[in-house]
Amino acid sequence: MTRITRDDVTRAVSQADDITIARIIATGATVDELAEAQAWLANDEPLLNAGRPLATGRVRDLVDILSEFEPSEEDDAGPAVTTQE
């Protein structure tokens, strides 16, 4: 299998900056592994229900890197509301 290229990464992760692209390429992952990491991030439940083990190795590394682009629960909560008395 062929390792991912910069073009592969920018097609798959359009919001990635140069440092993130370099980190993803440095994992030595393949396009298939990048796709699997994205599938884990999109929805891990069907993969677990299909009996797939949790992501490990390069796929796990990619999940960790790509998860930085996922909105956190704090982002979902919206702005903090303050009241003045």
Protein backbone atom coordinates (compact mmCIF):
# COMPACT_ATOMS: atom_id res chain seq x y z
CA MET A 1 0.00 0.00 0.00
CA THR A 2 1.08 3.53 -0.68
CA ARG A 3 1.56 6.09 2.05
CA ILE A 4 -0.66 9.15 2.00
CA THR A 5 0.48 12.29 0.25
CA ARG A 6 -0.19 15.96 0.93
CA ASP A 7 -2.88 15.89 -1.77
CA ASP A 8 -4.58 12.92 -0.09
CA VAL A 9 -4.63 14.74 3.23
CA THR A 10 -5.92 18.04 1.86
CA ARG A 11 -8.71 16.22 0.00
CA ALA A 12 -9.74 14.36 3.14
CA VAL A 13 -9.19 17.11 5.71
CA SER A 14 -9.76 20.43 4.01
CA GLN A 15 -9.33 22.49 7.20
CA ALA A 16 -5.88 21.03 8.02
CA ASP A 17 -2.98 23.45 8.30
CA ASP A 18 0.58 22.67 7.17
CA ILE A 19 1.66 21.39 10.60
CA THR A 20 -1.31 19.03 10.86
CA ILE A 21 -0.76 17.80 7.31
CA ALA A 22 2.88 17.06 8.18
CA ARG A 23 1.82 15.23 11.37
CA ILE A 24 -0.64 13.08 9.42
CA ILE A 25 1.91 12.23 6.73
CA ALA A 26 4.52 11.48 9.42
CA THR A 27 2.34 8.66 10.77
CA GLY A 28 3.20 6.67 7.64
CA ALA A 29 -0.48 5.86 7.21
CA THR A 30 -2.19 4.84 3.99
CA VAL A 31 -5.27 6.36 2.38
CA ASP A 32 -7.29 3.39 3.68
CA GLU A 33 -6.08 4.01 7.23
CA LEU A 34 -6.98 7.69 6.94
CA ALA A 35 -10.46 6.72 5.75
CA GLU A 36 -10.82 4.28 8.64
CA ALA A 37 -9.79 6.97 11.14
CA GLN A 38 -12.38 9.31 9.67
CA ALA A 39 -15.01 6.57 9.95
CA TRP A 40 -14.17 6.11 13.64
CA LEU A 41 -14.56 9.83 14.22
CA ALA A 42 -17.78 10.10 12.24
CA ASN A 43 -19.52 7.36 14.19
CA ASP A 44 -17.77 4.61 16.12
CA GLU A 45 -20.94 2.76 17.11
CA PRO A 46 -21.49 0.89 13.80
CA LEU A 47 -17.83 -0.16 13.77
CA LEU A 48 -18.09 -1.48 17.32
CA ASN A 49 -21.39 -3.22 16.52
CA ALA A 50 -19.70 -4.89 13.54
CA GLY A 51 -17.19 -6.39 15.96
CA ARG A 52 -14.31 -4.16 14.93
CA PRO A 53 -11.70 -3.67 17.64
CA LEU A 54 -10.98 -0.13 18.73
CA ALA A 55 -8.57 1.74 16.50
CA THR A 56 -4.91 1.00 17.16
CA GLY A 57 -1.54 1.85 15.67
CA ARG A 58 -1.47 4.38 12.85
CA VAL A 59 -5.27 4.57 12.70
CA ARG A 60 -5.34 5.49 16.40
CA ASP A 61 -2.67 8.14 15.78
CA LEU A 62 -4.78 9.57 12.98
CA VAL A 63 -7.91 9.55 15.14
CA ASP A 64 -6.01 11.52 17.78
CA ILE A 65 -4.80 14.09 15.24
CA LEU A 66 -8.13 14.41 13.45
CA SER A 67 -10.09 14.69 16.70
CA GLU A 68 -8.48 18.10 17.19
CA PHE A 69 -10.82 19.30 14.44
CA GLU A 70 -13.92 17.98 16.19
CA PRO A 71 -15.91 20.61 18.08
CA SER A 72 -15.59 20.16 21.82
CA GLU A 73 -18.58 19.99 24.14
CA GLU A 74 -17.71 23.50 25.29
CA ASP A 75 -18.02 24.73 21.69
CA ASP A 76 -21.47 23.12 21.45
CA ALA A 77 -22.67 24.84 24.63
CA GLY A 78 -22.56 28.27 23.07
CA PRO A 79 -21.38 31.44 24.74
CA ALA A 80 -21.47 31.70 28.50
CA VAL A 81 -24.29 33.85 29.78
CA THR A 82 -23.45 36.31 32.49
CA THR A 83 -25.87 38.41 34.43
CA GLN A 84 -25.25 41.71 36.10
CA GLU A 85 -27.02 42.55 39.28
